[in-house]
Amino acid sequence: MDATNRLSAIAAEMRKLQNQIQEHRRVLNFLLISVRTMDPAMKEACIHATRERIEGLEERQQALRVEQEDLIVCDVTRGHRGD
């Protein structure tokens, strides 16, 4: 896959990840604020799992940012060298 196509794919995946992160944050806020009828141990397990999922999504998003920056730097470097 050439750099332009990969950059496009990265941008699309980052948008998808951002949407997923926002959705999980809404779930987390709901759990933290309003679920009083749920068993406390189950509620805590759900909160923990949701936080871990958010962290995993954010880690993937950061990895994509690094890849995106590397691709841009490589493209610019090649452009300056005339490759």
C-alpha atoms as a PDB file:
ATOM      1  CA  MET A   1       0.000   0.000   0.000  1.00  0.00           C
ATOM      2  CA  ASP A   2       1.473   3.368  -0.945  1.00  0.00           C
ATOM      3  CA  ALA A   3       1.805   6.172   1.601  1.00  0.00           C
ATOM      4  CA  THR A   4      -1.195   8.149   0.341  1.00  0.00           C
ATOM      5  CA  ASN A   5      -3.535   5.179   0.593  1.00  0.00           C
ATOM      6  CA  ARG A   6      -2.156   4.214   3.997  1.00  0.00           C
ATOM      7  CA  LEU A   7      -2.592   7.774   5.292  1.00  0.00           C
ATOM      8  CA  SER A   8      -6.190   7.702   4.112  1.00  0.00           C
ATOM      9  CA  ALA A   9      -6.767   4.351   5.822  1.00  0.00           C
ATOM     10  CA  ILE A  10      -5.180   5.653   9.028  1.00  0.00           C
ATOM     11  CA  ALA A  11      -7.428   8.726   9.011  1.00  0.00           C
ATOM     12  CA  ALA A  12     -10.517   6.544   8.570  1.00  0.00           C
ATOM     13  CA  GLU A  13      -9.478   4.187  11.361  1.00  0.00           C
ATOM     14  CA  MET A  14      -8.699   7.113  13.671  1.00  0.00           C
ATOM     15  CA  ARG A  15     -12.187   8.542  13.101  1.00  0.00           C
ATOM     16  CA  LYS A  16     -13.682   5.139  13.888  1.00  0.00           C
ATOM     17  CA  LEU A  17     -11.568   4.824  17.033  1.00  0.00           C
ATOM     18  CA  GLN A  18     -12.560   8.306  18.182  1.00  0.00           C
ATOM     19  CA  ASN A  19     -16.229   7.409  17.805  1.00  0.00           C
ATOM     20  CA  GLN A  20     -15.691   4.198  19.776  1.00  0.00           C
ATOM     21  CA  ILE A  21     -13.830   6.065  22.516  1.00  0.00           C
ATOM     22  CA  GLN A  22     -16.647   8.601  22.813  1.00  0.00           C
ATOM     23  CA  GLU A  23     -19.254   5.843  22.996  1.00  0.00           C
ATOM     24  CA  HIS A  24     -17.321   3.986  25.705  1.00  0.00           C
ATOM     25  CA  ARG A  25     -16.920   7.230  27.669  1.00  0.00           C
ATOM     26  CA  ARG A  26     -20.689   7.727  27.530  1.00  0.00           C
ATOM     27  CA  VAL A  27     -21.164   4.186  28.862  1.00  0.00           C
ATOM     28  CA  LEU A  28     -18.592   4.815  31.582  1.00  0.00           C
ATOM     29  CA  ASN A  29     -20.295   8.054  32.625  1.00  0.00           C
ATOM     30  CA  PHE A  30     -23.638   6.262  32.713  1.00  0.00           C
ATOM     31  CA  LEU A  31     -22.173   3.547  34.928  1.00  0.00           C
ATOM     32  CA  LEU A  32     -20.512   6.044  37.242  1.00  0.00           C
ATOM     33  CA  ILE A  33     -23.549   8.279  37.621  1.00  0.00           C
ATOM     34  CA  SER A  34     -26.787   6.412  37.348  1.00  0.00           C
ATOM     35  CA  VAL A  35     -26.741   2.638  37.711  1.00  0.00           C
ATOM     36  CA  ARG A  36     -27.824   2.192  41.323  1.00  0.00           C
ATOM     37  CA  THR A  37     -29.766  -1.035  40.932  1.00  0.00           C
ATOM     38  CA  MET A  38     -26.807  -3.019  39.626  1.00  0.00           C
ATOM     39  CA  ASP A  39     -24.867  -5.283  41.963  1.00  0.00           C
ATOM     40  CA  PRO A  40     -21.875  -3.197  43.171  1.00  0.00           C
ATOM     41  CA  ALA A  41     -19.335  -5.877  42.231  1.00  0.00           C
ATOM     42  CA  MET A  42     -20.826  -6.222  38.755  1.00  0.00           C
ATOM     43  CA  LYS A  43     -20.947  -2.447  38.357  1.00  0.00           C
ATOM     44  CA  GLU A  44     -17.275  -2.165  39.335  1.00  0.00           C
ATOM     45  CA  ALA A  45     -16.347  -4.948  36.908  1.00  0.00           C
ATOM     46  CA  CYS A  46     -18.185  -3.142  34.099  1.00  0.00           C
ATOM     47  CA  ILE A  47     -16.486   0.144  34.965  1.00  0.00           C
ATOM     48  CA  HIS A  48     -13.084  -1.554  35.005  1.00  0.00           C
ATOM     49  CA  ALA A  49     -13.698  -3.326  31.687  1.00  0.00           C
ATOM     50  CA  THR A  50     -14.914  -0.113  30.057  1.00  0.00           C
ATOM     51  CA  ARG A  51     -11.874   1.821  31.279  1.00  0.00           C
ATOM     52  CA  GLU A  52      -9.568  -0.893  29.953  1.00  0.00           C
ATOM     53  CA  ARG A  53     -11.328  -0.817  26.588  1.00  0.00           C
ATOM     54  CA  ILE A  54     -10.930   2.963  26.401  1.00  0.00           C
ATOM     55  CA  GLU A  55      -7.226   2.634  27.237  1.00  0.00           C
ATOM     56  CA  GLY A  56      -6.787   0.005  24.524  1.00  0.00           C
ATOM     57  CA  LEU A  57      -8.525   2.182  21.946  1.00  0.00           C
ATOM     58  CA  GLU A  58      -6.424   5.193  22.952  1.00  0.00           C
ATOM     59  CA  GLU A  59      -3.233   3.124  22.655  1.00  0.00           C
ATOM     60  CA  ARG A  60      -4.232   2.034  19.150  1.00  0.00           C
ATOM     61  CA  GLN A  61      -5.039   5.635  18.266  1.00  0.00           C
ATOM     62  CA  GLN A  62      -1.600   6.751  19.494  1.00  0.00           C
ATOM     63  CA  ALA A  63       0.114   4.016  17.468  1.00  0.00           C
ATOM     64  CA  LEU A  64      -1.740   5.218  14.379  1.00  0.00           C
ATOM     65  CA  ARG A  65      -0.652   8.816  15.057  1.00  0.00           C
ATOM     66  CA  VAL A  66       2.972   7.691  15.225  1.00  0.00           C
ATOM     67  CA  GLU A  67       2.621   5.729  11.985  1.00  0.00           C
ATOM     68  CA  GLN A  68       0.904   8.702  10.353  1.00  0.00           C
ATOM     69  CA  GLU A  69       3.714  11.051  11.399  1.00  0.00           C
ATOM     70  CA  ASP A  70       6.359   8.600  10.166  1.00  0.00           C
ATOM     71  CA  LEU A  71       4.671   8.303   6.783  1.00  0.00           C
ATOM     72  CA  ILE A  72       4.429  12.073   6.439  1.00  0.00           C
ATOM     73  CA  VAL A  73       8.086  12.551   7.394  1.00  0.00           C
ATOM     74  CA  CYS A  74       9.176   9.853   4.920  1.00  0.00           C
ATOM     75  CA  ASP A  75       7.076  11.418   2.174  1.00  0.00           C
ATOM     76  CA  VAL A  76       8.474  14.892   2.843  1.00  0.00           C
ATOM     77  CA  THR A  77      12.031  13.558   3.039  1.00  0.00           C
ATOM     78  CA  ARG A  78      11.645  11.751  -0.280  1.00  0.00           C
ATOM     79  CA  GLY A  79      10.172  14.896  -1.808  1.00  0.00           C
ATOM     80  CA  HIS A  80      13.172  16.960  -0.748  1.00  0.00           C
ATOM     81  CA  ARG A  81      15.611  14.369  -2.094  1.00  0.00           C
ATOM     82  CA  GLY A  82      13.747  14.127  -5.363  1.00  0.00           C
ATOM     83  CA  ASP A  83      12.907  10.416  -5.040  1.00  0.00           C
END
